[in-house]
Amino acid sequence: MGGLAVAGIRVEYEEAGAGDRTAVVFVHGHPFDRTMWAPQMAAGAGTGPRRKVAPDLRGYGRTTVVPGTTGFGTFARDVAAVLDALGLDRVVVCGLSMGGQIALEFRRLFADRVAGLVLADTFARPDTPRGREERYARADRLEREGMAGYAHEVLDSMVSPANVRGMPEVAAHVRQMMVRTPPLGAAAALRGRAERPDYTELLGAIDVPVLVVVGREDVFTPVSDAEFMHERLPDSRLAVIEGAGHMPNLERPEAFNRELAALLAEVDAREAARGAHPPRM
């Protein structure tokens, strides 16, 4: 674990691995933190010899909380600043849920830095007017009431009900992440998420390998959302993880890691053919 002073805040992050293969940056979802990527950061995750970085986003985990509204452009620039500080140029960006949308924003802003994408349990379209209203209302509620009530209400949607019962350690981890998230940070992200752009047209311009992955039982971002993106991406593979809900990387880590490893192998071959950029120093 480490900390960096970047973009006017202090970002806490986890780093693992080494090697000259293309690095991976993992972008967590809402309302979680970098620990959601523990099964992917582990040494035996099958990702090969490469650097892996998982930051706490602005307002989450141990990173600085900035109240108000945090737009996706801010999140993406924070991630870029972390990569700059660590000497990493071209990377694979792996994001889940809100993290997947931040990954798309990162690709929009920093296309030349993206060697591959993992879009997990996420969607590209903007919120509906009703969805925007609900996010703003939820943001206000979190600021008033804190995270505990919300965490209790949505646990069975974050993790499939069967896995809440059968994998109590996973359910406890997910609940713990939600409860310890700073309410002001979560609220700021919700307001930013309500105002995010439509990434549908961007999908057709993404010319690197993309893994679109989703839990079969995901109720927040169902398989149809994954299919929508897969159909519009020029170079993508769709993986549906059986027996998982919104967080297949925690509910079925072995299956998720196999899909991730396959994507990384494709990226490695593509980067070798084009001549990989050396890390920034």
C-alpha atoms as a PDB file:
ATOM      1  CA  MET A   1       0.000   0.000   0.000  1.00  0.00           C
ATOM      2  CA  GLY A   2       1.207   3.503  -0.779  1.00  0.00           C
ATOM      3  CA  GLY A   3       0.103   7.092  -1.068  1.00  0.00           C
ATOM      4  CA  LEU A   4       0.692   9.775  -3.684  1.00  0.00           C
ATOM      5  CA  ALA A   5       0.110  13.509  -3.686  1.00  0.00           C
ATOM      6  CA  VAL A   6      -1.428  14.101  -7.132  1.00  0.00           C
ATOM      7  CA  ALA A   7      -4.061  16.396  -8.627  1.00  0.00           C
ATOM      8  CA  GLY A   8      -4.307  18.362  -5.382  1.00  0.00           C
ATOM      9  CA  ILE A   9      -5.310  15.330  -3.286  1.00  0.00           C
ATOM     10  CA  ARG A  10      -3.677  12.329  -1.661  1.00  0.00           C
ATOM     11  CA  VAL A  11      -4.466   9.053  -3.423  1.00  0.00           C
ATOM     12  CA  GLU A  12      -3.954   5.760  -1.612  1.00  0.00           C
ATOM     13  CA  TYR A  13      -3.234   2.782  -3.824  1.00  0.00           C
ATOM     14  CA  GLU A  14      -2.140  -0.838  -3.886  1.00  0.00           C
ATOM     15  CA  GLU A  15       0.596  -2.067  -6.213  1.00  0.00           C
ATOM     16  CA  ALA A  16       1.658  -5.630  -6.975  1.00  0.00           C
ATOM     17  CA  GLY A  17       3.724  -7.522  -9.495  1.00  0.00           C
ATOM     18  CA  ALA A  18       6.601  -6.588 -11.746  1.00  0.00           C
ATOM     19  CA  GLY A  19       7.743  -7.167 -15.289  1.00  0.00           C
ATOM     20  CA  ASP A  20       7.739  -5.470 -18.655  1.00  0.00           C
ATOM     21  CA  ARG A  21       4.342  -6.661 -19.870  1.00  0.00           C
ATOM     22  CA  THR A  22       1.586  -4.079 -20.162  1.00  0.00           C
ATOM     23  CA  ALA A  23       0.484  -2.981 -16.692  1.00  0.00           C
ATOM     24  CA  VAL A  24      -3.102  -3.096 -15.468  1.00  0.00           C
ATOM     25  CA  VAL A  25      -4.908  -0.396 -13.495  1.00  0.00           C
ATOM     26  CA  PHE A  26      -8.025  -1.558 -11.647  1.00  0.00           C
ATOM     27  CA  VAL A  27     -10.807   0.994 -11.118  1.00  0.00           C
ATOM     28  CA  HIS A  28     -13.324   0.098  -8.439  1.00  0.00           C
ATOM     29  CA  GLY A  29     -17.045   0.719  -8.494  1.00  0.00           C
ATOM     30  CA  HIS A  30     -19.445   2.575  -6.198  1.00  0.00           C
ATOM     31  CA  PRO A  31     -19.529   2.485  -3.226  1.00  0.00           C
ATOM     32  CA  PHE A  32     -16.415   0.353  -2.850  1.00  0.00           C
ATOM     33  CA  ASP A  33     -12.652   0.755  -2.617  1.00  0.00           C
ATOM     34  CA  ARG A  34      -9.481  -0.799  -4.001  1.00  0.00           C
ATOM     35  CA  THR A  35      -9.835  -3.921  -1.832  1.00  0.00           C
ATOM     36  CA  MET A  36     -12.563  -5.201  -4.154  1.00  0.00           C
ATOM     37  CA  TRP A  37      -9.738  -6.176  -6.520  1.00  0.00           C
ATOM     38  CA  ALA A  38      -7.900  -8.387  -3.999  1.00  0.00           C
ATOM     39  CA  PRO A  39      -8.426 -11.628  -6.004  1.00  0.00           C
ATOM     40  CA  GLN A  40      -7.036  -9.946  -9.119  1.00  0.00           C
ATOM     41  CA  MET A  41      -4.102  -8.278  -7.355  1.00  0.00           C
ATOM     42  CA  ALA A  42      -3.025 -11.576  -5.774  1.00  0.00           C
ATOM     43  CA  ALA A  43       0.157 -13.210  -7.042  1.00  0.00           C
ATOM     44  CA  GLY A  44      -1.688 -16.283  -8.328  1.00  0.00           C
ATOM     45  CA  ALA A  45      -4.264 -14.382 -10.363  1.00  0.00           C
ATOM     46  CA  GLY A  46      -2.895 -15.678 -13.680  1.00  0.00           C
ATOM     47  CA  THR A  47      -2.084 -12.253 -15.081  1.00  0.00           C
ATOM     48  CA  GLY A  48       1.562 -13.050 -15.798  1.00  0.00           C
ATOM     49  CA  PRO A  49       4.577 -10.991 -14.767  1.00  0.00           C
ATOM     50  CA  ARG A  50       3.311  -7.413 -14.885  1.00  0.00           C
ATOM     51  CA  ARG A  51       2.652  -4.441 -12.642  1.00  0.00           C
ATOM     52  CA  LYS A  52      -0.843  -4.068 -11.254  1.00  0.00           C
ATOM     53  CA  VAL A  53      -2.176  -0.929  -9.605  1.00  0.00           C
ATOM     54  CA  ALA A  54      -5.460  -0.439  -7.743  1.00  0.00           C
ATOM     55  CA  PRO A  55      -6.123   3.097  -6.433  1.00  0.00           C
ATOM     56  CA  ASP A  56      -8.831   4.291  -4.101  1.00  0.00           C
ATOM     57  CA  LEU A  57     -10.801   6.798  -6.145  1.00  0.00           C
ATOM     58  CA  ARG A  58     -11.278  10.369  -4.948  1.00  0.00           C
ATOM     59  CA  GLY A  59     -13.750  10.269  -2.065  1.00  0.00           C
ATOM     60  CA  TYR A  60     -13.423   6.529  -1.467  1.00  0.00           C
ATOM     61  CA  GLY A  61     -11.309   4.333   0.767  1.00  0.00           C
ATOM     62  CA  ARG A  62      -8.408   6.330   2.171  1.00  0.00           C
ATOM     63  CA  THR A  63      -8.160   8.857  -0.662  1.00  0.00           C
ATOM     64  CA  THR A  64      -9.033  12.500  -0.017  1.00  0.00           C
ATOM     65  CA  VAL A  65     -12.737  13.329   0.127  1.00  0.00           C
ATOM     66  CA  VAL A  66     -13.827  16.357  -1.905  1.00  0.00           C
ATOM     67  CA  PRO A  67     -17.515  17.192  -1.251  1.00  0.00           C
ATOM     68  CA  GLY A  68     -19.922  18.427  -3.899  1.00  0.00           C
ATOM     69  CA  THR A  69     -19.842  16.815  -7.332  1.00  0.00           C
ATOM     70  CA  THR A  70     -17.054  14.683  -8.788  1.00  0.00           C
ATOM     71  CA  GLY A  71     -17.328  14.262 -12.550  1.00  0.00           C
ATOM     72  CA  PHE A  72     -15.946  11.309 -14.453  1.00  0.00           C
ATOM     73  CA  GLY A  73     -13.365  13.547 -16.116  1.00  0.00           C
ATOM     74  CA  THR A  74     -11.948  14.288 -12.677  1.00  0.00           C
ATOM     75  CA  PHE A  75     -11.787  10.598 -11.785  1.00  0.00           C
ATOM     76  CA  ALA A  76     -10.072   9.763 -15.079  1.00  0.00           C
ATOM     77  CA  ARG A  77      -7.508  12.537 -14.674  1.00  0.00           C
ATOM     78  CA  ASP A  78      -6.789  11.348 -11.140  1.00  0.00           C
ATOM     79  CA  VAL A  79      -6.053   7.870 -12.492  1.00  0.00           C
ATOM     80  CA  ALA A  80      -3.806   9.343 -15.168  1.00  0.00           C
ATOM     81  CA  ALA A  81      -1.927  11.337 -12.524  1.00  0.00           C
ATOM     82  CA  VAL A  82      -1.347   8.174 -10.489  1.00  0.00           C
ATOM     83  CA  LEU A  83      -0.003   6.383 -13.556  1.00  0.00           C
ATOM     84  CA  ASP A  84       2.273   9.334 -14.317  1.00  0.00           C
ATOM     85  CA  ALA A  85       3.630   9.277 -10.776  1.00  0.00           C
ATOM     86  CA  LEU A  86       4.323   5.545 -11.043  1.00  0.00           C
ATOM     87  CA  GLY A  87       6.001   5.843 -14.441  1.00  0.00           C
ATOM     88  CA  LEU A  88       3.315   3.950 -16.332  1.00  0.00           C
ATOM     89  CA  ASP A  89       2.301   5.084 -19.793  1.00  0.00           C
ATOM     90  CA  ARG A  90       0.243   2.587 -21.795  1.00  0.00           C
ATOM     91  CA  VAL A  91      -1.976   0.322 -19.684  1.00  0.00           C
ATOM     92  CA  VAL A  92      -4.973  -1.960 -19.606  1.00  0.00           C
ATOM     93  CA  VAL A  93      -7.814  -0.283 -17.723  1.00  0.00           C
ATOM     94  CA  CYS A  94     -10.109  -2.678 -15.863  1.00  0.00           C
ATOM     95  CA  GLY A  95     -13.215  -1.150 -14.335  1.00  0.00           C
ATOM     96  CA  LEU A  96     -16.383  -2.519 -12.770  1.00  0.00           C
ATOM     97  CA  SER A  97     -19.749  -0.745 -12.712  1.00  0.00           C
ATOM     98  CA  MET A  98     -18.987   2.969 -12.180  1.00  0.00           C
ATOM     99  CA  GLY A  99     -15.339   1.982 -12.631  1.00  0.00           C
ATOM    100  CA  GLY A 100     -16.177   0.705 -16.117  1.00  0.00           C
ATOM    101  CA  GLN A 101     -17.682   4.059 -17.007  1.00  0.00           C
ATOM    102  CA  ILE A 102     -14.590   5.802 -15.670  1.00  0.00           C
ATOM    103  CA  ALA A 103     -12.544   3.434 -17.856  1.00  0.00           C
ATOM    104  CA  LEU A 104     -14.525   4.645 -20.874  1.00  0.00           C
ATOM    105  CA  GLU A 105     -13.934   8.258 -19.841  1.00  0.00           C
ATOM    106  CA  PHE A 106     -10.216   7.494 -19.488  1.00  0.00           C
ATOM    107  CA  ARG A 107     -10.249   6.096 -23.039  1.00  0.00           C
ATOM    108  CA  ARG A 108     -12.060   9.222 -24.269  1.00  0.00           C
ATOM    109  CA  LEU A 109      -9.474  11.529 -22.707  1.00  0.00           C
ATOM    110  CA  PHE A 110      -6.308   9.436 -23.050  1.00  0.00           C
ATOM    111  CA  ALA A 111      -6.819   7.147 -26.036  1.00  0.00           C
ATOM    112  CA  ASP A 112      -3.107   6.704 -26.703  1.00  0.00           C
ATOM    113  CA  ARG A 113      -2.538   5.385 -23.183  1.00  0.00           C
ATOM    114  CA  VAL A 114      -5.048   2.530 -23.447  1.00  0.00           C
ATOM    115  CA  ALA A 115      -3.782  -0.851 -24.664  1.00  0.00           C
ATOM    116  CA  GLY A 116      -6.917  -2.717 -23.654  1.00  0.00           C
ATOM    117  CA  LEU A 117     -10.111  -2.414 -21.646  1.00  0.00           C
ATOM    118  CA  VAL A 118     -12.115  -4.575 -19.281  1.00  0.00           C
ATOM    119  CA  LEU A 119     -15.696  -3.355 -18.955  1.00  0.00           C
ATOM    120  CA  ALA A 120     -17.237  -5.354 -16.130  1.00  0.00           C
ATOM    121  CA  ASP A 121     -20.892  -5.136 -15.100  1.00  0.00           C
ATOM    122  CA  THR A 122     -21.293  -1.660 -16.529  1.00  0.00           C
ATOM    123  CA  PHE A 123     -23.148   0.188 -19.279  1.00  0.00           C
ATOM    124  CA  ALA A 124     -22.389   2.927 -21.773  1.00  0.00           C
ATOM    125  CA  ARG A 125     -25.620   4.873 -22.029  1.00  0.00           C
ATOM    126  CA  PRO A 126     -26.444   7.954 -19.918  1.00  0.00           C
ATOM    127  CA  ASP A 127     -28.995   8.060 -17.135  1.00  0.00           C
ATOM    128  CA  THR A 128     -32.646   8.648 -17.952  1.00  0.00           C
ATOM    129  CA  PRO A 129     -34.217  11.799 -16.465  1.00  0.00           C
ATOM    130  CA  ARG A 130     -35.742   9.638 -13.744  1.00  0.00           C
ATOM    131  CA  GLY A 131     -32.398   7.942 -13.128  1.00  0.00           C
ATOM    132  CA  ARG A 132     -30.707  11.321 -12.719  1.00  0.00           C
ATOM    133  CA  GLU A 133     -33.306  12.407 -10.171  1.00  0.00           C
ATOM    134  CA  GLU A 134     -32.856   9.171  -8.232  1.00  0.00           C
ATOM    135  CA  ARG A 135     -29.065   9.571  -8.096  1.00  0.00           C
ATOM    136  CA  TYR A 136     -29.342  13.127  -6.803  1.00  0.00           C
ATOM    137  CA  ALA A 137     -31.896  12.031  -4.204  1.00  0.00           C
ATOM    138  CA  ARG A 138     -29.674   9.131  -3.131  1.00  0.00           C
ATOM    139  CA  ALA A 139     -26.696  11.461  -2.838  1.00  0.00           C
ATOM    140  CA  ASP A 140     -28.649  13.741  -0.518  1.00  0.00           C
ATOM    141  CA  ARG A 141     -29.808  10.753   1.518  1.00  0.00           C
ATOM    142  CA  LEU A 142     -26.276   9.415   1.973  1.00  0.00           C
ATOM    143  CA  GLU A 143     -25.116  12.795   3.215  1.00  0.00           C
ATOM    144  CA  ARG A 144     -27.987  12.908   5.731  1.00  0.00           C
ATOM    145  CA  GLU A 145     -28.063   9.291   6.902  1.00  0.00           C
ATOM    146  CA  GLY A 146     -24.665   7.759   6.168  1.00  0.00           C
ATOM    147  CA  MET A 147     -23.952   4.470   4.402  1.00  0.00           C
ATOM    148  CA  ALA A 148     -25.253   1.754   6.748  1.00  0.00           C
ATOM    149  CA  GLY A 149     -28.908   1.751   5.708  1.00  0.00           C
ATOM    150  CA  TYR A 150     -28.077   1.898   2.016  1.00  0.00           C
ATOM    151  CA  ALA A 151     -25.563  -0.942   2.367  1.00  0.00           C
ATOM    152  CA  HIS A 152     -28.155  -3.144   4.043  1.00  0.00           C
ATOM    153  CA  GLU A 153     -30.733  -2.447   1.330  1.00  0.00           C
ATOM    154  CA  VAL A 154     -28.544  -3.182  -1.699  1.00  0.00           C
ATOM    155  CA  LEU A 155     -26.344  -6.059  -0.492  1.00  0.00           C
ATOM    156  CA  ASP A 156     -28.583  -8.683  -2.144  1.00  0.00           C
ATOM    157  CA  SER A 157     -28.267  -6.769  -5.418  1.00  0.00           C
ATOM    158  CA  MET A 158     -24.516  -6.238  -5.269  1.00  0.00           C
ATOM    159  CA  VAL A 159     -23.947  -9.933  -4.573  1.00  0.00           C
ATOM    160  CA  SER A 160     -26.432 -12.545  -5.766  1.00  0.00           C
ATOM    161  CA  PRO A 161     -28.734 -13.700  -2.946  1.00  0.00           C
ATOM    162  CA  ALA A 162     -27.427 -17.251  -3.244  1.00  0.00           C
ATOM    163  CA  ASN A 163     -23.871 -16.007  -2.766  1.00  0.00           C
ATOM    164  CA  VAL A 164     -24.855 -13.804   0.180  1.00  0.00           C
ATOM    165  CA  ARG A 165     -25.942 -17.036   1.878  1.00  0.00           C
ATOM    166  CA  GLY A 166     -23.280 -19.368   0.486  1.00  0.00           C
ATOM    167  CA  MET A 167     -20.263 -17.023   0.527  1.00  0.00           C
ATOM    168  CA  PRO A 168     -20.639 -15.095   3.790  1.00  0.00           C
ATOM    169  CA  GLU A 169     -17.032 -13.880   3.696  1.00  0.00           C
ATOM    170  CA  VAL A 170     -17.607 -12.240   0.307  1.00  0.00           C
ATOM    171  CA  ALA A 171     -20.891 -10.704   1.449  1.00  0.00           C
ATOM    172  CA  ALA A 172     -19.195  -9.385   4.586  1.00  0.00           C
ATOM    173  CA  HIS A 173     -16.375  -7.838   2.529  1.00  0.00           C
ATOM    174  CA  VAL A 174     -18.808  -6.110   0.183  1.00  0.00           C
ATOM    175  CA  ARG A 175     -20.903  -4.804   3.058  1.00  0.00           C
ATOM    176  CA  GLN A 176     -17.803  -3.586   4.884  1.00  0.00           C
ATOM    177  CA  MET A 177     -16.603  -1.660   1.832  1.00  0.00           C
ATOM    178  CA  MET A 178     -19.970   0.047   1.490  1.00  0.00           C
ATOM    179  CA  VAL A 179     -20.321   0.932   5.180  1.00  0.00           C
ATOM    180  CA  ARG A 180     -16.832   2.420   5.473  1.00  0.00           C
ATOM    181  CA  THR A 181     -17.132   4.556   2.312  1.00  0.00           C
ATOM    182  CA  PRO A 182     -17.217   8.267   3.234  1.00  0.00           C
ATOM    183  CA  PRO A 183     -20.779   9.493   2.589  1.00  0.00           C
ATOM    184  CA  LEU A 184     -19.614  12.845   1.186  1.00  0.00           C
ATOM    185  CA  GLY A 185     -17.362  11.085  -1.322  1.00  0.00           C
ATOM    186  CA  ALA A 186     -20.077   8.655  -2.390  1.00  0.00           C
ATOM    187  CA  ALA A 187     -22.571  11.489  -2.775  1.00  0.00           C
ATOM    188  CA  ALA A 188     -20.171  13.548  -4.888  1.00  0.00           C
ATOM    189  CA  ALA A 189     -19.624  10.577  -7.204  1.00  0.00           C
ATOM    190  CA  LEU A 190     -23.354   9.914  -7.526  1.00  0.00           C
ATOM    191  CA  ARG A 191     -23.934  13.494  -8.670  1.00  0.00           C
ATOM    192  CA  GLY A 192     -21.111  13.175 -11.176  1.00  0.00           C
ATOM    193  CA  ARG A 193     -22.490   9.883 -12.394  1.00  0.00           C
ATOM    194  CA  ALA A 194     -25.897  11.458 -12.951  1.00  0.00           C
ATOM    195  CA  GLU A 195     -24.287  13.945 -15.345  1.00  0.00           C
ATOM    196  CA  ARG A 196     -22.034  11.528 -17.226  1.00  0.00           C
ATOM    197  CA  PRO A 197     -22.060  11.599 -21.043  1.00  0.00           C
ATOM    198  CA  ASP A 198     -23.388   8.981 -23.414  1.00  0.00           C
ATOM    199  CA  TYR A 199     -20.471   6.699 -24.338  1.00  0.00           C
ATOM    200  CA  THR A 200     -22.367   4.779 -27.035  1.00  0.00           C
ATOM    201  CA  GLU A 201     -20.656   6.497 -29.984  1.00  0.00           C
ATOM    202  CA  LEU A 202     -17.265   6.126 -28.333  1.00  0.00           C
ATOM    203  CA  LEU A 203     -17.629   2.332 -28.363  1.00  0.00           C
ATOM    204  CA  GLY A 204     -17.271   2.159 -32.135  1.00  0.00           C
ATOM    205  CA  ALA A 205     -13.993   4.086 -32.048  1.00  0.00           C
ATOM    206  CA  ILE A 206     -12.228   1.821 -29.529  1.00  0.00           C
ATOM    207  CA  ASP A 207      -9.597  -0.049 -31.529  1.00  0.00           C
ATOM    208  CA  VAL A 208      -7.951  -2.114 -28.778  1.00  0.00           C
ATOM    209  CA  PRO A 209      -8.990  -5.502 -27.365  1.00  0.00           C
ATOM    210  CA  VAL A 210     -11.907  -5.248 -24.954  1.00  0.00           C
ATOM    211  CA  LEU A 211     -13.310  -7.793 -22.523  1.00  0.00           C
ATOM    212  CA  VAL A 212     -16.975  -7.208 -21.727  1.00  0.00           C
ATOM    213  CA  VAL A 213     -17.790  -9.309 -18.677  1.00  0.00           C
ATOM    214  CA  VAL A 214     -20.944  -9.578 -16.581  1.00  0.00           C
ATOM    215  CA  GLY A 215     -22.447 -11.796 -13.912  1.00  0.00           C
ATOM    216  CA  ARG A 216     -25.364 -13.850 -15.165  1.00  0.00           C
ATOM    217  CA  GLU A 217     -27.492 -12.753 -12.189  1.00  0.00           C
ATOM    218  CA  ASP A 218     -26.574  -9.065 -12.207  1.00  0.00           C
ATOM    219  CA  VAL A 219     -29.727  -7.005 -11.597  1.00  0.00           C
ATOM    220  CA  PHE A 220     -28.052  -3.579 -11.776  1.00  0.00           C
ATOM    221  CA  THR A 221     -26.369  -4.043 -15.161  1.00  0.00           C
ATOM    222  CA  PRO A 222     -27.950  -7.124 -16.748  1.00  0.00           C
ATOM    223  CA  VAL A 223     -26.518  -9.226 -19.539  1.00  0.00           C
ATOM    224  CA  SER A 224     -28.470  -7.142 -22.072  1.00  0.00           C
ATOM    225  CA  ASP A 225     -26.335  -4.099 -21.178  1.00  0.00           C
ATOM    226  CA  ALA A 226     -23.167  -6.121 -21.787  1.00  0.00           C
ATOM    227  CA  GLU A 227     -24.541  -7.355 -25.107  1.00  0.00           C
ATOM    228  CA  PHE A 228     -25.326  -3.767 -26.128  1.00  0.00           C
ATOM    229  CA  MET A 229     -21.667  -2.789 -25.678  1.00  0.00           C
ATOM    230  CA  HIS A 230     -20.265  -5.981 -27.197  1.00  0.00           C
ATOM    231  CA  GLU A 231     -22.304  -5.490 -30.375  1.00  0.00           C
ATOM    232  CA  ARG A 232     -20.881  -1.986 -30.855  1.00  0.00           C
ATOM    233  CA  LEU A 233     -17.238  -2.586 -29.984  1.00  0.00           C
ATOM    234  CA  PRO A 234     -15.047  -3.476 -32.996  1.00  0.00           C
ATOM    235  CA  ASP A 235     -12.750  -5.862 -31.101  1.00  0.00           C
ATOM    236  CA  SER A 236     -14.474  -7.305 -28.049  1.00  0.00           C
ATOM    237  CA  ARG A 237     -15.235 -10.596 -26.384  1.00  0.00           C
ATOM    238  CA  LEU A 238     -18.303 -11.136 -24.206  1.00  0.00           C
ATOM    239  CA  ALA A 239     -17.994 -13.309 -21.101  1.00  0.00           C
ATOM    240  CA  VAL A 240     -21.017 -14.115 -18.946  1.00  0.00           C
ATOM    241  CA  ILE A 241     -19.983 -15.428 -15.532  1.00  0.00           C
ATOM    242  CA  GLU A 242     -22.397 -18.045 -14.224  1.00  0.00           C
ATOM    243  CA  GLY A 243     -23.384 -18.001 -10.567  1.00  0.00           C
ATOM    244  CA  ALA A 244     -22.485 -14.353 -10.048  1.00  0.00           C
ATOM    245  CA  GLY A 245     -24.300 -11.071  -9.575  1.00  0.00           C
ATOM    246  CA  HIS A 246     -22.934  -7.550  -9.872  1.00  0.00           C
ATOM    247  CA  MET A 247     -19.459  -8.432  -8.579  1.00  0.00           C
ATOM    248  CA  PRO A 248     -18.228 -11.512 -10.447  1.00  0.00           C
ATOM    249  CA  ASN A 249     -14.589 -10.695  -9.682  1.00  0.00           C
ATOM    250  CA  LEU A 250     -15.363 -11.450  -6.005  1.00  0.00           C
ATOM    251  CA  GLU A 251     -18.177 -13.975  -6.391  1.00  0.00           C
ATOM    252  CA  ARG A 252     -16.434 -16.124  -9.017  1.00  0.00           C
ATOM    253  CA  PRO A 253     -12.803 -14.944  -8.984  1.00  0.00           C
ATOM    254  CA  GLU A 254     -11.379 -17.981 -10.759  1.00  0.00           C
ATOM    255  CA  ALA A 255     -13.701 -17.547 -13.745  1.00  0.00           C
ATOM    256  CA  PHE A 256     -13.159 -13.785 -13.824  1.00  0.00           C
ATOM    257  CA  ASN A 257      -9.385 -14.191 -13.650  1.00  0.00           C
ATOM    258  CA  ARG A 258      -9.403 -16.673 -16.529  1.00  0.00           C
ATOM    259  CA  GLU A 259     -11.221 -14.169 -18.715  1.00  0.00           C
ATOM    260  CA  LEU A 260      -8.888 -11.380 -17.626  1.00  0.00           C
ATOM    261  CA  ALA A 261      -5.817 -13.513 -18.346  1.00  0.00           C
ATOM    262  CA  ALA A 262      -7.100 -14.252 -21.855  1.00  0.00           C
ATOM    263  CA  LEU A 263      -7.610 -10.556 -22.536  1.00  0.00           C
ATOM    264  CA  LEU A 264      -4.138  -9.728 -21.243  1.00  0.00           C
ATOM    265  CA  ALA A 265      -2.561 -12.398 -23.441  1.00  0.00           C
ATOM    266  CA  GLU A 266      -4.270 -10.803 -26.441  1.00  0.00           C
ATOM    267  CA  VAL A 267      -3.056  -7.356 -25.395  1.00  0.00           C
ATOM    268  CA  ASP A 268       0.502  -8.634 -24.898  1.00  0.00           C
ATOM    269  CA  ALA A 269       0.559 -10.102 -28.408  1.00  0.00           C
ATOM    270  CA  ARG A 270      -0.895  -6.924 -29.908  1.00  0.00           C
ATOM    271  CA  GLU A 271       1.557  -4.700 -28.059  1.00  0.00           C
ATOM    272  CA  ALA A 272       4.515  -6.865 -29.056  1.00  0.00           C
ATOM    273  CA  ALA A 273       3.482  -6.573 -32.685  1.00  0.00           C
ATOM    274  CA  ARG A 274       3.169  -2.790 -32.562  1.00  0.00           C
ATOM    275  CA  GLY A 275       6.250  -2.234 -30.400  1.00  0.00           C
ATOM    276  CA  ALA A 276       5.270  -1.508 -26.820  1.00  0.00           C
ATOM    277  CA  HIS A 277       5.988   1.945 -25.453  1.00  0.00           C
ATOM    278  CA  PRO A 278       8.550   1.967 -22.651  1.00  0.00           C
ATOM    279  CA  PRO A 279       7.311   3.135 -19.241  1.00  0.00           C
ATOM    280  CA  ARG A 280       7.475   6.857 -18.518  1.00  0.00           C
ATOM    281  CA  MET A 281      10.348   7.798 -16.242  1.00  0.00           C
END
